[in-house]
Amino acid sequence: MTRILLDTGPLVALLDAGDQDHARCVAAAQKLRGDLVTTWPVVTEAMYLLSGAPGAPDRVLELLENGAVRLAPLDAADVPALRRLMRRYASLPIDVADASLVRVAQRDGIFDVFTLDRDFRVYRIARGQAFAVIP
């Protein structure tokens, strides 16, 4: 099955009905055909941004627990690649959450990303390969 990387913006928007992008992300999510994959840095960022929304941080963990969103592993072997990405895209700037998704894309061959971040139109996976950005 197709895998789709899930960035912080849509994760937050899906869980916060008051988010300006909530309706757009819900509509896009309903059309997705594939497994959503994210990383711990994205989860951490989303939980921080949702900390003022009652129950939302728990719903993030529930998505992980019930398998609606899968976690891609990152370990010490990925750190050199993360550092290279953060240096390469420092002028944007790139944060560790975005770098973790680009790294997983490179390592695992995932080309689709569900994001609200325009920088993913600039990031490259390998050999100039661009992401397919959703929505």
N, C-alpha and C. Protein backbone atom coordinates (compact mmCIF):
# COMPACT_ATOMS: atom_id res chain seq x y z
N MET A 1 0.84 -1.19 0.00
CA MET A 1 0.00 0.00 0.00
C MET A 1 0.88 1.25 0.00
N THR A 2 0.39 2.31 -0.59
CA THR A 2 1.09 3.58 -0.63
C THR A 2 1.27 4.14 0.78
N ARG A 3 2.43 4.74 1.00
CA ARG A 3 2.68 5.41 2.27
C ARG A 3 2.75 6.91 2.03
N ILE A 4 2.19 7.67 2.94
CA ILE A 4 2.13 9.12 2.84
C ILE A 4 2.70 9.71 4.12
N LEU A 5 3.69 10.56 3.98
CA LEU A 5 4.26 11.21 5.15
C LEU A 5 3.29 12.26 5.68
N LEU A 6 3.15 12.32 6.98
CA LEU A 6 2.25 13.27 7.65
C LEU A 6 3.08 14.30 8.40
N ASP A 7 2.92 15.56 8.02
CA ASP A 7 3.64 16.66 8.65
C ASP A 7 2.80 17.26 9.79
N THR A 8 3.41 18.13 10.54
CA THR A 8 2.77 18.73 11.72
C THR A 8 1.51 19.52 11.39
N GLY A 9 1.55 20.35 10.37
CA GLY A 9 0.43 21.23 10.05
C GLY A 9 -0.89 20.50 9.89
N PRO A 10 -0.96 19.50 9.01
CA PRO A 10 -2.21 18.76 8.86
C PRO A 10 -2.60 17.98 10.11
N LEU A 11 -1.62 17.44 10.83
CA LEU A 11 -1.93 16.70 12.05
C LEU A 11 -2.63 17.62 13.05
N VAL A 12 -2.10 18.82 13.22
CA VAL A 12 -2.72 19.79 14.12
C VAL A 12 -4.09 20.21 13.59
N ALA A 13 -4.17 20.52 12.31
CA ALA A 13 -5.44 20.98 11.73
C ALA A 13 -6.53 19.92 11.82
N LEU A 14 -6.17 18.67 11.64
CA LEU A 14 -7.17 17.60 11.72
C LEU A 14 -7.76 17.48 13.12
N LEU A 15 -6.95 17.74 14.13
CA LEU A 15 -7.39 17.55 15.52
C LEU A 15 -7.93 18.81 16.18
N ASP A 16 -7.77 19.95 15.55
CA ASP A 16 -8.22 21.21 16.12
C ASP A 16 -9.25 21.85 15.18
N ALA A 17 -10.52 21.69 15.51
CA ALA A 17 -11.59 22.21 14.66
C ALA A 17 -11.52 23.73 14.50
N GLY A 18 -10.83 24.40 15.40
CA GLY A 18 -10.68 25.85 15.31
C GLY A 18 -9.53 26.29 14.42
N ASP A 19 -8.74 25.36 13.94
CA ASP A 19 -7.60 25.68 13.08
C ASP A 19 -8.11 26.18 11.73
N GLN A 20 -7.46 27.21 11.19
CA GLN A 20 -7.90 27.78 9.91
C GLN A 20 -7.84 26.79 8.76
N ASP A 21 -7.03 25.75 8.87
CA ASP A 21 -6.90 24.76 7.80
C ASP A 21 -7.65 23.47 8.09
N HIS A 22 -8.47 23.46 9.15
CA HIS A 22 -9.17 22.24 9.55
C HIS A 22 -10.01 21.66 8.41
N ALA A 23 -10.91 22.43 7.84
CA ALA A 23 -11.82 21.91 6.81
C ALA A 23 -11.05 21.42 5.60
N ARG A 24 -10.05 22.17 5.18
CA ARG A 24 -9.25 21.77 4.01
C ARG A 24 -8.51 20.47 4.27
N CYS A 25 -7.96 20.31 5.46
CA CYS A 25 -7.21 19.09 5.78
C CYS A 25 -8.15 17.90 5.96
N VAL A 26 -9.31 18.11 6.54
CA VAL A 26 -10.28 17.01 6.67
C VAL A 26 -10.70 16.54 5.28
N ALA A 27 -10.99 17.48 4.38
CA ALA A 27 -11.39 17.11 3.01
C ALA A 27 -10.27 16.35 2.31
N ALA A 28 -9.04 16.80 2.47
CA ALA A 28 -7.90 16.12 1.84
C ALA A 28 -7.69 14.74 2.45
N ALA A 29 -7.81 14.64 3.77
CA ALA A 29 -7.60 13.35 4.45
C ALA A 29 -8.62 12.32 4.01
N GLN A 30 -9.84 12.75 3.74
CA GLN A 30 -10.88 11.81 3.32
C GLN A 30 -10.59 11.21 1.95
N LYS A 31 -9.76 11.88 1.16
CA LYS A 31 -9.42 11.40 -0.18
C LYS A 31 -8.14 10.57 -0.20
N LEU A 32 -7.41 10.56 0.90
CA LEU A 32 -6.12 9.85 0.93
C LEU A 32 -6.32 8.35 0.80
N ARG A 33 -5.46 7.74 0.03
CA ARG A 33 -5.45 6.29 -0.12
C ARG A 33 -4.04 5.81 0.19
N GLY A 34 -3.83 5.47 1.42
CA GLY A 34 -2.51 5.01 1.83
C GLY A 34 -2.35 5.09 3.33
N ASP A 35 -1.23 4.58 3.80
CA ASP A 35 -0.91 4.60 5.22
C ASP A 35 -0.20 5.90 5.57
N LEU A 36 -0.66 6.58 6.61
CA LEU A 36 0.00 7.79 7.08
C LEU A 36 1.18 7.41 7.96
N VAL A 37 2.32 8.04 7.68
CA VAL A 37 3.57 7.75 8.39
C VAL A 37 4.14 9.07 8.88
N THR A 38 4.59 9.10 10.12
CA THR A 38 5.22 10.31 10.65
C THR A 38 6.40 9.92 11.53
N THR A 39 6.97 10.91 12.21
CA THR A 39 8.14 10.69 13.06
C THR A 39 7.91 11.30 14.44
N TRP A 40 8.72 10.88 15.40
CA TRP A 40 8.60 11.45 16.74
C TRP A 40 8.80 12.96 16.77
N PRO A 41 9.75 13.53 16.00
CA PRO A 41 9.84 15.00 16.03
C PRO A 41 8.55 15.69 15.59
N VAL A 42 7.84 15.14 14.61
CA VAL A 42 6.56 15.70 14.18
C VAL A 42 5.53 15.56 15.29
N VAL A 43 5.48 14.40 15.92
CA VAL A 43 4.53 14.17 17.02
C VAL A 43 4.79 15.16 18.15
N THR A 44 6.05 15.35 18.50
CA THR A 44 6.40 16.27 19.58
C THR A 44 5.97 17.69 19.25
N GLU A 45 6.24 18.12 18.03
CA GLU A 45 5.86 19.47 17.60
C GLU A 45 4.34 19.64 17.62
N ALA A 46 3.62 18.65 17.13
CA ALA A 46 2.15 18.71 17.11
C ALA A 46 1.59 18.76 18.53
N MET A 47 2.14 17.95 19.42
CA MET A 47 1.63 17.94 20.79
C MET A 47 1.87 19.28 21.47
N TYR A 48 3.00 19.90 21.18
CA TYR A 48 3.27 21.23 21.73
C TYR A 48 2.24 22.24 21.20
N LEU A 49 2.01 22.23 19.89
CA LEU A 49 1.07 23.18 19.28
C LEU A 49 -0.37 22.94 19.73
N LEU A 50 -0.68 21.71 20.08
CA LEU A 50 -2.04 21.36 20.52
C LEU A 50 -2.22 21.42 22.03
N SER A 51 -1.19 21.85 22.74
CA SER A 51 -1.25 21.79 24.21
C SER A 51 -2.39 22.62 24.80
N GLY A 52 -2.87 23.63 24.08
CA GLY A 52 -3.98 24.43 24.59
C GLY A 52 -5.35 23.90 24.20
N ALA A 53 -5.39 22.87 23.39
CA ALA A 53 -6.66 22.29 22.95
C ALA A 53 -6.96 21.07 23.81
N PRO A 54 -7.97 21.16 24.68
CA PRO A 54 -8.25 20.05 25.61
C PRO A 54 -8.42 18.71 24.89
N GLY A 55 -7.66 17.73 25.34
CA GLY A 55 -7.76 16.38 24.82
C GLY A 55 -7.00 16.12 23.54
N ALA A 56 -6.56 17.17 22.85
CA ALA A 56 -5.90 16.97 21.56
C ALA A 56 -4.58 16.21 21.66
N PRO A 57 -3.70 16.53 22.62
CA PRO A 57 -2.47 15.74 22.70
C PRO A 57 -2.74 14.25 22.90
N ASP A 58 -3.75 13.92 23.68
CA ASP A 58 -4.10 12.51 23.87
C ASP A 58 -4.59 11.89 22.57
N ARG A 59 -5.30 12.67 21.76
CA ARG A 59 -5.78 12.15 20.48
C ARG A 59 -4.63 11.86 19.52
N VAL A 60 -3.55 12.65 19.62
CA VAL A 60 -2.35 12.36 18.81
C VAL A 60 -1.84 10.97 19.17
N LEU A 61 -1.70 10.71 20.46
CA LEU A 61 -1.21 9.41 20.91
C LEU A 61 -2.18 8.29 20.54
N GLU A 62 -3.46 8.58 20.59
CA GLU A 62 -4.46 7.58 20.21
C GLU A 62 -4.31 7.19 18.74
N LEU A 63 -4.02 8.16 17.87
CA LEU A 63 -3.80 7.86 16.45
C LEU A 63 -2.62 6.91 16.26
N LEU A 64 -1.59 7.08 17.09
CA LEU A 64 -0.43 6.19 17.02
C LEU A 64 -0.77 4.81 17.59
N GLU A 65 -1.48 4.82 18.69
CA GLU A 65 -1.83 3.56 19.36
C GLU A 65 -2.73 2.68 18.50
N ASN A 66 -3.70 3.30 17.82
CA ASN A 66 -4.64 2.49 17.03
C ASN A 66 -4.17 2.24 15.60
N GLY A 67 -2.98 2.75 15.26
CA GLY A 67 -2.41 2.48 13.94
C GLY A 67 -2.91 3.37 12.83
N ALA A 68 -3.71 4.38 13.14
CA ALA A 68 -4.18 5.30 12.11
C ALA A 68 -3.01 6.09 11.52
N VAL A 69 -2.01 6.32 12.36
CA VAL A 69 -0.75 6.94 11.94
C VAL A 69 0.37 6.04 12.43
N ARG A 70 1.28 5.73 11.54
CA ARG A 70 2.41 4.87 11.90
C ARG A 70 3.66 5.71 12.13
N LEU A 71 4.49 5.24 13.04
CA LEU A 71 5.75 5.93 13.32
C LEU A 71 6.88 5.29 12.52
N ALA A 72 7.60 6.12 11.79
CA ALA A 72 8.81 5.65 11.11
C ALA A 72 9.96 5.77 12.11
N PRO A 73 10.74 4.73 12.26
CA PRO A 73 11.84 4.80 13.23
C PRO A 73 12.96 5.71 12.75
N LEU A 74 13.55 6.39 13.69
CA LEU A 74 14.78 7.16 13.49
C LEU A 74 15.72 6.77 14.61
N ASP A 75 16.99 6.61 14.27
CA ASP A 75 17.95 6.29 15.32
C ASP A 75 19.27 7.00 15.03
N ALA A 76 20.29 6.67 15.78
CA ALA A 76 21.57 7.37 15.67
C ALA A 76 22.15 7.28 14.26
N ALA A 77 21.86 6.22 13.54
CA ALA A 77 22.37 6.08 12.17
C ALA A 77 21.79 7.14 11.23
N ASP A 78 20.66 7.73 11.59
CA ASP A 78 20.03 8.77 10.76
C ASP A 78 20.55 10.17 11.06
N VAL A 79 21.27 10.34 12.15
CA VAL A 79 21.70 11.68 12.57
C VAL A 79 22.60 12.35 11.54
N PRO A 80 23.59 11.68 10.95
CA PRO A 80 24.40 12.37 9.93
C PRO A 80 23.56 12.90 8.76
N ALA A 81 22.58 12.13 8.33
CA ALA A 81 21.71 12.59 7.24
C ALA A 81 20.86 13.78 7.68
N LEU A 82 20.36 13.75 8.92
CA LEU A 82 19.60 14.89 9.44
C LEU A 82 20.46 16.15 9.48
N ARG A 83 21.69 16.00 9.91
CA ARG A 83 22.60 17.15 9.96
C ARG A 83 22.87 17.70 8.57
N ARG A 84 23.08 16.82 7.59
CA ARG A 84 23.31 17.27 6.22
C ARG A 84 22.09 18.04 5.69
N LEU A 85 20.91 17.51 5.94
CA LEU A 85 19.69 18.17 5.49
C LEU A 85 19.53 19.54 6.15
N MET A 86 19.80 19.62 7.43
CA MET A 86 19.64 20.90 8.13
C MET A 86 20.66 21.93 7.65
N ARG A 87 21.84 21.48 7.26
CA ARG A 87 22.83 22.41 6.69
C ARG A 87 22.42 22.81 5.27
N ARG A 88 21.98 21.83 4.49
CA ARG A 88 21.62 22.10 3.09
C ARG A 88 20.47 23.10 2.98
N TYR A 89 19.48 22.98 3.85
CA TYR A 89 18.29 23.82 3.76
C TYR A 89 18.22 24.88 4.87
N ALA A 90 19.36 25.25 5.42
CA ALA A 90 19.41 26.21 6.54
C ALA A 90 18.80 27.55 6.17
N SER A 91 18.86 27.94 4.91
CA SER A 91 18.35 29.25 4.52
C SER A 91 16.82 29.31 4.49
N LEU A 92 16.14 28.17 4.57
CA LEU A 92 14.67 28.20 4.51
C LEU A 92 14.02 28.68 5.80
N PRO A 93 14.34 28.39 6.98
CA PRO A 93 15.17 27.30 7.49
C PRO A 93 14.36 26.02 7.66
N ILE A 94 15.05 24.91 7.77
CA ILE A 94 14.42 23.62 8.01
C ILE A 94 14.54 23.30 9.50
N ASP A 95 13.50 22.72 10.08
CA ASP A 95 13.60 22.28 11.48
C ASP A 95 13.76 20.77 11.51
N VAL A 96 13.99 20.24 12.69
CA VAL A 96 14.27 18.81 12.81
C VAL A 96 13.04 17.97 12.43
N ALA A 97 11.84 18.48 12.65
CA ALA A 97 10.64 17.73 12.26
C ALA A 97 10.60 17.56 10.74
N ASP A 98 10.80 18.66 10.00
CA ASP A 98 10.81 18.56 8.54
C ASP A 98 11.97 17.69 8.06
N ALA A 99 13.15 17.90 8.65
CA ALA A 99 14.31 17.11 8.25
C ALA A 99 14.07 15.62 8.49
N SER A 100 13.37 15.29 9.56
CA SER A 100 13.10 13.87 9.84
C SER A 100 12.20 13.27 8.76
N LEU A 101 11.24 14.04 8.27
CA LEU A 101 10.37 13.52 7.20
C LEU A 101 11.14 13.37 5.89
N VAL A 102 12.00 14.34 5.58
CA VAL A 102 12.81 14.23 4.36
C VAL A 102 13.73 13.01 4.47
N ARG A 103 14.32 12.82 5.64
CA ARG A 103 15.20 11.66 5.85
C ARG A 103 14.45 10.34 5.65
N VAL A 104 13.27 10.23 6.23
CA VAL A 104 12.48 9.00 6.08
C VAL A 104 12.12 8.81 4.60
N ALA A 105 11.79 9.89 3.91
CA ALA A 105 11.48 9.79 2.48
C ALA A 105 12.68 9.24 1.71
N GLN A 106 13.86 9.76 2.00
CA GLN A 106 15.08 9.30 1.33
C GLN A 106 15.36 7.83 1.63
N ARG A 107 15.26 7.50 2.87
CA ARG A 107 15.62 6.15 3.33
C ARG A 107 14.61 5.10 2.90
N ASP A 108 13.31 5.45 2.96
CA ASP A 108 12.26 4.46 2.76
C ASP A 108 11.52 4.60 1.43
N GLY A 109 11.93 5.57 0.61
CA GLY A 109 11.32 5.73 -0.70
C GLY A 109 9.86 6.17 -0.67
N ILE A 110 9.55 7.12 0.20
CA ILE A 110 8.19 7.66 0.29
C ILE A 110 8.20 9.03 -0.39
N PHE A 111 7.34 9.22 -1.38
CA PHE A 111 7.39 10.44 -2.19
C PHE A 111 6.22 11.38 -1.97
N ASP A 112 5.18 10.94 -1.26
CA ASP A 112 4.00 11.76 -0.99
C ASP A 112 4.08 12.33 0.42
N VAL A 113 3.72 13.60 0.56
CA VAL A 113 3.72 14.23 1.88
C VAL A 113 2.45 15.07 2.05
N PHE A 114 1.76 14.85 3.15
CA PHE A 114 0.57 15.61 3.53
C PHE A 114 1.07 16.74 4.42
N THR A 115 1.12 17.94 3.86
CA THR A 115 1.73 19.07 4.56
C THR A 115 1.09 20.38 4.14
N LEU A 116 1.20 21.36 4.99
CA LEU A 116 0.80 22.73 4.67
C LEU A 116 2.03 23.61 4.47
N ASP A 117 3.19 23.02 4.61
CA ASP A 117 4.47 23.72 4.57
C ASP A 117 4.97 23.82 3.13
N ARG A 118 5.03 25.02 2.61
CA ARG A 118 5.48 25.23 1.22
C ARG A 118 6.92 24.80 0.99
N ASP A 119 7.71 24.74 2.05
CA ASP A 119 9.11 24.34 1.89
C ASP A 119 9.25 22.93 1.32
N PHE A 120 8.24 22.10 1.49
CA PHE A 120 8.33 20.74 0.93
C PHE A 120 8.30 20.76 -0.60
N ARG A 121 7.97 21.89 -1.19
CA ARG A 121 8.06 22.03 -2.65
C ARG A 121 9.51 22.28 -3.07
N VAL A 122 10.34 22.68 -2.10
CA VAL A 122 11.75 22.94 -2.35
C VAL A 122 12.61 21.73 -1.99
N TYR A 123 12.29 21.07 -0.90
CA TYR A 123 13.07 19.92 -0.45
C TYR A 123 13.10 18.85 -1.54
N ARG A 124 14.24 18.17 -1.64
CA ARG A 124 14.40 17.09 -2.61
C ARG A 124 14.72 15.80 -1.88
N ILE A 125 14.20 14.71 -2.43
CA ILE A 125 14.37 13.41 -1.80
C ILE A 125 15.71 12.82 -2.21
N ALA A 126 15.92 12.63 -3.49
CA ALA A 126 17.18 12.11 -4.02
C ALA A 126 17.24 12.43 -5.50
N ARG A 127 18.43 12.74 -5.96
CA ARG A 127 18.64 13.02 -7.39
C ARG A 127 17.62 14.02 -7.94
N GLY A 128 17.30 15.03 -7.16
CA GLY A 128 16.38 16.06 -7.61
C GLY A 128 14.91 15.70 -7.56
N GLN A 129 14.59 14.52 -7.03
CA GLN A 129 13.19 14.07 -6.95
C GLN A 129 12.41 14.96 -5.99
N ALA A 130 11.32 15.55 -6.50
CA ALA A 130 10.46 16.40 -5.68
C ALA A 130 9.39 15.57 -4.98
N PHE A 131 8.90 16.10 -3.89
CA PHE A 131 7.76 15.48 -3.20
C PHE A 131 6.48 15.73 -3.98
N ALA A 132 5.55 14.81 -3.88
CA ALA A 132 4.17 15.05 -4.30
C ALA A 132 3.47 15.59 -3.06
N VAL A 133 3.13 16.88 -3.09
CA VAL A 133 2.59 17.56 -1.91
C VAL A 133 1.06 17.49 -1.91
N ILE A 134 0.52 17.07 -0.79
CA ILE A 134 -0.92 16.99 -0.56
C ILE A 134 -1.23 17.95 0.59
N PRO A 135 -2.20 18.80 0.57
CA PRO A 135 -3.20 18.97 -0.48
C PRO A 135 -2.70 19.80 -1.62
